Amino acid sequence: MTQAPAGRAAGPLSLPDRLLAVATRMFADKGFENTSVQEIVNAAGVTKGAMYHYFGSKDDLLYEIYHRLIGLQMSCLEQIADGPGGAEERLRAAAVDVLDTSFRYLDDFTVFFRSTHLLPRDRREAVRAERRRYHERFRGLVEEGQREGAFRDRAPADIAVHFFFGTVHQIGTWYRPGGRLEPAAISEHYVDLFLNGLKT
């Protein structure tokens, strides 16, 4: 079963989830480089030994933040892609889910795009592989829609998908909770622009 990002489950958190929730908040607020392991364990109310029982380093915390987020999104995408409906309907649902989880787990999302380049090379490569699998499955829905005639094939599916995710990845740089537009409204605009672009 895919684990959701830490800090969102009902009830008391397990120790690993508490550490991840604290680390996510502090990395989002202060930055990965400016947050020490000591600050994380102090805020979580545990010892360094307890943290190292579950996570070997700050890098492990950072990787797990991303791994859980992309795991949740991949699980949702697979259900949508394999579900009923035409390609356009399923692509819309997949695009909405990307935006919904990005807003719902904004701290996790922000931490990832600010700090993943700081991971060791092997972890960066693992992250790229996970992202590639996700994008390939998402791209498959665009290509299916092009074959069905729901979308024009003037623009390569790869370009359309990179364009969409490029805009989504910028959300953390400008969105602030409590602003004029609710996340659902922003998602609707993003998805409409994306799908309308595939049809013109």
C-alpha atoms as a PDB file:
ATOM      1  CA  MET A   1       0.000   0.000   0.000  1.00  0.00           C
ATOM      2  CA  THR A   2       1.324   3.447  -0.953  1.00  0.00           C
ATOM      3  CA  GLN A   3       2.142   5.631   2.038  1.00  0.00           C
ATOM      4  CA  ALA A   4       0.859   9.192   1.906  1.00  0.00           C
ATOM      5  CA  PRO A   5       3.209  12.035   2.789  1.00  0.00           C
ATOM      6  CA  ALA A   6       3.743  12.225   6.538  1.00  0.00           C
ATOM      7  CA  GLY A   7       1.581  14.351   8.781  1.00  0.00           C
ATOM      8  CA  ARG A   8      -1.670  13.833   6.883  1.00  0.00           C
ATOM      9  CA  ALA A   9      -2.975  10.616   8.404  1.00  0.00           C
ATOM     10  CA  ALA A  10      -5.655  10.670  11.067  1.00  0.00           C
ATOM     11  CA  GLY A  11      -4.588   9.831  14.608  1.00  0.00           C
ATOM     12  CA  PRO A  12      -1.162   9.886  16.253  1.00  0.00           C
ATOM     13  CA  LEU A  13       1.836   9.599  13.959  1.00  0.00           C
ATOM     14  CA  SER A  14       4.378   6.819  14.118  1.00  0.00           C
ATOM     15  CA  LEU A  15       7.909   7.931  14.973  1.00  0.00           C
ATOM     16  CA  PRO A  16       9.150   7.808  11.334  1.00  0.00           C
ATOM     17  CA  ASP A  17       6.092   9.777  10.193  1.00  0.00           C
ATOM     18  CA  ARG A  18       6.591  12.334  12.967  1.00  0.00           C
ATOM     19  CA  LEU A  19      10.203  12.827  11.931  1.00  0.00           C
ATOM     20  CA  LEU A  20       9.196  13.203   8.288  1.00  0.00           C
ATOM     21  CA  ALA A  21       6.417  15.659   9.126  1.00  0.00           C
ATOM     22  CA  VAL A  22       8.788  17.809  11.197  1.00  0.00           C
ATOM     23  CA  ALA A  23      11.553  17.625   8.577  1.00  0.00           C
ATOM     24  CA  THR A  24       9.155  18.551   5.783  1.00  0.00           C
ATOM     25  CA  ARG A  25       7.904  21.604   7.651  1.00  0.00           C
ATOM     26  CA  MET A  26      11.405  22.756   8.582  1.00  0.00           C
ATOM     27  CA  PHE A  27      12.876  22.134   5.116  1.00  0.00           C
ATOM     28  CA  ALA A  28      10.002  24.134   3.595  1.00  0.00           C
ATOM     29  CA  ASP A  29      10.398  26.995   6.103  1.00  0.00           C
ATOM     30  CA  LYS A  30      14.194  27.193   6.478  1.00  0.00           C
ATOM     31  CA  GLY A  31      15.594  25.251   3.568  1.00  0.00           C
ATOM     32  CA  PHE A  32      17.261  21.840   3.565  1.00  0.00           C
ATOM     33  CA  GLU A  33      20.793  23.212   3.916  1.00  0.00           C
ATOM     34  CA  ASN A  34      19.848  25.498   6.812  1.00  0.00           C
ATOM     35  CA  THR A  35      18.170  22.784   8.888  1.00  0.00           C
ATOM     36  CA  SER A  36      20.292  20.577  11.134  1.00  0.00           C
ATOM     37  CA  VAL A  37      19.567  17.048  12.286  1.00  0.00           C
ATOM     38  CA  GLN A  38      19.667  18.345  15.861  1.00  0.00           C
ATOM     39  CA  GLU A  39      16.910  20.858  15.112  1.00  0.00           C
ATOM     40  CA  ILE A  40      14.780  18.126  13.548  1.00  0.00           C
ATOM     41  CA  VAL A  41      15.090  15.723  16.474  1.00  0.00           C
ATOM     42  CA  ASN A  42      14.543  18.512  19.004  1.00  0.00           C
ATOM     43  CA  ALA A  43      11.339  19.570  17.262  1.00  0.00           C
ATOM     44  CA  ALA A  44      10.183  15.950  16.969  1.00  0.00           C
ATOM     45  CA  GLY A  45      10.973  15.283  20.628  1.00  0.00           C
ATOM     46  CA  VAL A  46      13.295  12.347  19.966  1.00  0.00           C
ATOM     47  CA  THR A  47      17.007  11.575  20.153  1.00  0.00           C
ATOM     48  CA  LYS A  48      19.423  11.409  17.239  1.00  0.00           C
ATOM     49  CA  GLY A  49      19.752   7.702  17.918  1.00  0.00           C
ATOM     50  CA  ALA A  50      16.012   7.250  17.460  1.00  0.00           C
ATOM     51  CA  MET A  51      16.131   9.116  14.154  1.00  0.00           C
ATOM     52  CA  TYR A  52      19.124   7.173  12.870  1.00  0.00           C
ATOM     53  CA  HIS A  53      17.270   3.950  13.606  1.00  0.00           C
ATOM     54  CA  TYR A  54      14.913   4.871  10.750  1.00  0.00           C
ATOM     55  CA  PHE A  55      16.846   7.372   8.631  1.00  0.00           C
ATOM     56  CA  GLY A  56      20.585   7.247   8.101  1.00  0.00           C
ATOM     57  CA  SER A  57      20.917  10.932   7.280  1.00  0.00           C
ATOM     58  CA  LYS A  58      19.143  14.137   6.314  1.00  0.00           C
ATOM     59  CA  ASP A  59      19.449  12.946   2.721  1.00  0.00           C
ATOM     60  CA  ASP A  60      17.304   9.922   3.595  1.00  0.00           C
ATOM     61  CA  LEU A  61      14.612  12.214   4.988  1.00  0.00           C
ATOM     62  CA  LEU A  62      14.658  14.355   1.846  1.00  0.00           C
ATOM     63  CA  TYR A  63      14.466  11.335  -0.447  1.00  0.00           C
ATOM     64  CA  GLU A  64      11.589   9.799   1.528  1.00  0.00           C
ATOM     65  CA  ILE A  65       9.607  13.061   1.326  1.00  0.00           C
ATOM     66  CA  TYR A  66       9.742  12.895  -2.451  1.00  0.00           C
ATOM     67  CA  HIS A  67       9.389   9.105  -2.684  1.00  0.00           C
ATOM     68  CA  ARG A  68       6.106   9.179  -0.767  1.00  0.00           C
ATOM     69  CA  LEU A  69       4.710  12.050  -2.819  1.00  0.00           C
ATOM     70  CA  ILE A  70       5.506  10.500  -6.207  1.00  0.00           C
ATOM     71  CA  GLY A  71       4.350   7.104  -4.917  1.00  0.00           C
ATOM     72  CA  LEU A  72       0.961   8.533  -4.017  1.00  0.00           C
ATOM     73  CA  GLN A  73       0.665  10.310  -7.371  1.00  0.00           C
ATOM     74  CA  MET A  74       1.744   7.194  -9.293  1.00  0.00           C
ATOM     75  CA  SER A  75      -0.805   5.028  -7.499  1.00  0.00           C
ATOM     76  CA  CYS A  76      -3.575   7.497  -8.341  1.00  0.00           C
ATOM     77  CA  LEU A  77      -2.418   7.812 -11.954  1.00  0.00           C
ATOM     78  CA  GLU A  78      -2.433   4.056 -12.469  1.00  0.00           C
ATOM     79  CA  GLN A  79      -5.979   3.784 -11.133  1.00  0.00           C
ATOM     80  CA  ILE A  80      -7.136   6.612 -13.394  1.00  0.00           C
ATOM     81  CA  ALA A  81      -5.275   5.415 -16.495  1.00  0.00           C
ATOM     82  CA  ASP A  82      -6.633   1.876 -16.103  1.00  0.00           C
ATOM     83  CA  GLY A  83     -10.141   3.069 -15.277  1.00  0.00           C
ATOM     84  CA  PRO A  84     -13.230   3.669 -17.404  1.00  0.00           C
ATOM     85  CA  GLY A  85     -13.840   6.523 -19.820  1.00  0.00           C
ATOM     86  CA  GLY A  86     -12.200   7.936 -22.901  1.00  0.00           C
ATOM     87  CA  ALA A  87      -8.628   9.187 -22.973  1.00  0.00           C
ATOM     88  CA  GLU A  88      -9.661  12.827 -22.605  1.00  0.00           C
ATOM     89  CA  GLU A  89     -11.759  12.100 -19.523  1.00  0.00           C
ATOM     90  CA  ARG A  90      -8.995  10.084 -17.892  1.00  0.00           C
ATOM     91  CA  LEU A  91      -6.321  12.649 -18.793  1.00  0.00           C
ATOM     92  CA  ARG A  92      -8.427  15.387 -17.211  1.00  0.00           C
ATOM     93  CA  ALA A  93      -8.775  13.323 -14.036  1.00  0.00           C
ATOM     94  CA  ALA A  94      -5.024  12.633 -13.977  1.00  0.00           C
ATOM     95  CA  ALA A  95      -4.168  16.309 -14.460  1.00  0.00           C
ATOM     96  CA  VAL A  96      -6.592  17.323 -11.710  1.00  0.00           C
ATOM     97  CA  ASP A  97      -4.993  14.766  -9.382  1.00  0.00           C
ATOM     98  CA  VAL A  98      -1.493  16.138 -10.046  1.00  0.00           C
ATOM     99  CA  LEU A  99      -2.658  19.602  -9.080  1.00  0.00           C
ATOM    100  CA  ASP A 100      -4.754  18.428  -6.140  1.00  0.00           C
ATOM    101  CA  THR A 101      -1.876  16.530  -4.549  1.00  0.00           C
ATOM    102  CA  SER A 102       0.519  19.416  -5.260  1.00  0.00           C
ATOM    103  CA  PHE A 103      -1.701  21.828  -3.348  1.00  0.00           C
ATOM    104  CA  ARG A 104      -2.600  19.327  -0.609  1.00  0.00           C
ATOM    105  CA  TYR A 105       1.046  18.486   0.062  1.00  0.00           C
ATOM    106  CA  LEU A 106       2.471  21.902  -0.772  1.00  0.00           C
ATOM    107  CA  ASP A 107       5.332  21.711   1.734  1.00  0.00           C
ATOM    108  CA  ASP A 108       6.452  18.302   0.404  1.00  0.00           C
ATOM    109  CA  PHE A 109       6.129  19.596  -3.163  1.00  0.00           C
ATOM    110  CA  THR A 110       8.088  22.780  -2.379  1.00  0.00           C
ATOM    111  CA  VAL A 111      10.868  20.912  -0.559  1.00  0.00           C
ATOM    112  CA  PHE A 112      11.329  18.540  -3.459  1.00  0.00           C
ATOM    113  CA  PHE A 113      11.696  21.197  -6.148  1.00  0.00           C
ATOM    114  CA  ARG A 114      13.973  23.352  -4.038  1.00  0.00           C
ATOM    115  CA  SER A 115      16.286  20.671  -2.743  1.00  0.00           C
ATOM    116  CA  THR A 116      16.413  17.480  -4.800  1.00  0.00           C
ATOM    117  CA  HIS A 117      19.570  18.648  -6.577  1.00  0.00           C
ATOM    118  CA  LEU A 118      21.313  18.396  -3.191  1.00  0.00           C
ATOM    119  CA  LEU A 119      20.790  14.634  -2.978  1.00  0.00           C
ATOM    120  CA  PRO A 120      23.723  12.276  -3.650  1.00  0.00           C
ATOM    121  CA  ARG A 121      24.025  11.152  -7.245  1.00  0.00           C
ATOM    122  CA  ASP A 122      22.475   7.696  -6.727  1.00  0.00           C
ATOM    123  CA  ARG A 123      19.425   9.202  -5.044  1.00  0.00           C
ATOM    124  CA  ARG A 124      19.071  11.863  -7.752  1.00  0.00           C
ATOM    125  CA  GLU A 125      19.116   9.107 -10.366  1.00  0.00           C
ATOM    126  CA  ALA A 126      16.458   7.166  -8.437  1.00  0.00           C
ATOM    127  CA  VAL A 127      14.295  10.301  -8.306  1.00  0.00           C
ATOM    128  CA  ARG A 128      14.702  10.872 -12.038  1.00  0.00           C
ATOM    129  CA  ALA A 129      13.720   7.245 -12.731  1.00  0.00           C
ATOM    130  CA  GLU A 130      10.538   7.584 -10.640  1.00  0.00           C
ATOM    131  CA  ARG A 131       9.626  10.837 -12.346  1.00  0.00           C
ATOM    132  CA  ARG A 132      10.285   9.327 -15.761  1.00  0.00           C
ATOM    133  CA  ARG A 133       7.933   6.393 -15.064  1.00  0.00           C
ATOM    134  CA  TYR A 134       5.223   8.788 -13.978  1.00  0.00           C
ATOM    135  CA  HIS A 135       5.636  11.071 -16.988  1.00  0.00           C
ATOM    136  CA  GLU A 136       5.656   8.139 -19.404  1.00  0.00           C
ATOM    137  CA  ARG A 137       2.336   6.858 -18.043  1.00  0.00           C
ATOM    138  CA  PHE A 138       0.852  10.364 -18.175  1.00  0.00           C
ATOM    139  CA  ARG A 139       2.169  10.840 -21.721  1.00  0.00           C
ATOM    140  CA  GLY A 140       0.501   7.572 -22.697  1.00  0.00           C
ATOM    141  CA  LEU A 141      -2.899   9.155 -22.029  1.00  0.00           C
ATOM    142  CA  VAL A 142      -2.050  12.068 -24.316  1.00  0.00           C
ATOM    143  CA  GLU A 143      -0.939   9.673 -27.054  1.00  0.00           C
ATOM    144  CA  GLU A 144      -4.085   7.595 -26.610  1.00  0.00           C
ATOM    145  CA  GLY A 145      -6.199  10.724 -27.007  1.00  0.00           C
ATOM    146  CA  GLN A 146      -4.279  11.636 -30.154  1.00  0.00           C
ATOM    147  CA  ARG A 147      -4.938   8.190 -31.620  1.00  0.00           C
ATOM    148  CA  GLU A 148      -8.638   8.477 -30.766  1.00  0.00           C
ATOM    149  CA  GLY A 149      -8.835  11.897 -32.429  1.00  0.00           C
ATOM    150  CA  ALA A 150      -9.728  13.686 -29.184  1.00  0.00           C
ATOM    151  CA  PHE A 151      -6.472  15.687 -29.443  1.00  0.00           C
ATOM    152  CA  ARG A 152      -4.552  16.944 -32.446  1.00  0.00           C
ATOM    153  CA  ASP A 153      -1.106  15.472 -32.955  1.00  0.00           C
ATOM    154  CA  ARG A 154       0.505  18.646 -34.270  1.00  0.00           C
ATOM    155  CA  ALA A 155       2.508  18.995 -31.045  1.00  0.00           C
ATOM    156  CA  PRO A 156       4.438  15.917 -29.877  1.00  0.00           C
ATOM    157  CA  ALA A 157       2.976  14.383 -26.719  1.00  0.00           C
ATOM    158  CA  ASP A 158       6.368  14.755 -24.992  1.00  0.00           C
ATOM    159  CA  ILE A 159       6.336  18.524 -25.516  1.00  0.00           C
ATOM    160  CA  ALA A 160       2.757  18.856 -24.259  1.00  0.00           C
ATOM    161  CA  VAL A 161       3.530  16.865 -21.109  1.00  0.00           C
ATOM    162  CA  HIS A 162       6.760  18.776 -20.360  1.00  0.00           C
ATOM    163  CA  PHE A 163       4.891  22.051 -20.857  1.00  0.00           C
ATOM    164  CA  PHE A 164       2.132  21.031 -18.442  1.00  0.00           C
ATOM    165  CA  PHE A 165       4.466  19.803 -15.719  1.00  0.00           C
ATOM    166  CA  GLY A 166       6.718  22.810 -16.169  1.00  0.00           C
ATOM    167  CA  THR A 167       3.810  25.062 -15.187  1.00  0.00           C
ATOM    168  CA  VAL A 168       2.738  22.795 -12.324  1.00  0.00           C
ATOM    169  CA  HIS A 169       6.257  22.737 -10.890  1.00  0.00           C
ATOM    170  CA  GLN A 170       6.191  26.528 -10.532  1.00  0.00           C
ATOM    171  CA  ILE A 171       3.204  26.511  -8.178  1.00  0.00           C
ATOM    172  CA  GLY A 172       5.356  26.511  -5.062  1.00  0.00           C
ATOM    173  CA  THR A 173       7.078  29.739  -6.151  1.00  0.00           C
ATOM    174  CA  TRP A 174       3.925  31.871  -6.220  1.00  0.00           C
ATOM    175  CA  TYR A 175       0.950  30.173  -4.574  1.00  0.00           C
ATOM    176  CA  ARG A 176       0.089  31.151  -1.011  1.00  0.00           C
ATOM    177  CA  PRO A 177      -2.830  29.645   0.934  1.00  0.00           C
ATOM    178  CA  GLY A 178      -5.627  32.111   1.600  1.00  0.00           C
ATOM    179  CA  GLY A 179      -5.192  34.020  -1.647  1.00  0.00           C
ATOM    180  CA  ARG A 180      -7.878  35.272  -4.008  1.00  0.00           C
ATOM    181  CA  LEU A 181      -8.245  31.953  -5.841  1.00  0.00           C
ATOM    182  CA  GLU A 182      -8.940  28.630  -4.177  1.00  0.00           C
ATOM    183  CA  PRO A 183      -6.809  25.644  -5.248  1.00  0.00           C
ATOM    184  CA  ALA A 184      -9.779  24.008  -7.005  1.00  0.00           C
ATOM    185  CA  ALA A 185     -10.262  27.099  -9.181  1.00  0.00           C
ATOM    186  CA  ILE A 186      -6.564  27.280 -10.032  1.00  0.00           C
ATOM    187  CA  SER A 187      -6.587  23.580 -10.932  1.00  0.00           C
ATOM    188  CA  GLU A 188      -9.578  24.081 -13.217  1.00  0.00           C
ATOM    189  CA  HIS A 189      -7.818  26.890 -15.094  1.00  0.00           C
ATOM    190  CA  TYR A 190      -4.593  24.901 -15.450  1.00  0.00           C
ATOM    191  CA  VAL A 191      -6.357  21.793 -16.722  1.00  0.00           C
ATOM    192  CA  ASP A 192      -8.576  23.732 -19.145  1.00  0.00           C
ATOM    193  CA  LEU A 193      -5.547  25.509 -20.620  1.00  0.00           C
ATOM    194  CA  PHE A 194      -3.695  22.202 -20.972  1.00  0.00           C
ATOM    195  CA  LEU A 195      -6.541  20.261 -22.603  1.00  0.00           C
ATOM    196  CA  ASN A 196      -7.620  23.138 -24.854  1.00  0.00           C
ATOM    197  CA  GLY A 197      -4.031  23.421 -26.042  1.00  0.00           C
ATOM    198  CA  LEU A 198      -4.098  19.777 -27.081  1.00  0.00           C
ATOM    199  CA  LYS A 199      -7.207  20.373 -29.180  1.00  0.00           C
ATOM    200  CA  THR A 200      -6.044  23.416 -31.125  1.00  0.00           C
END
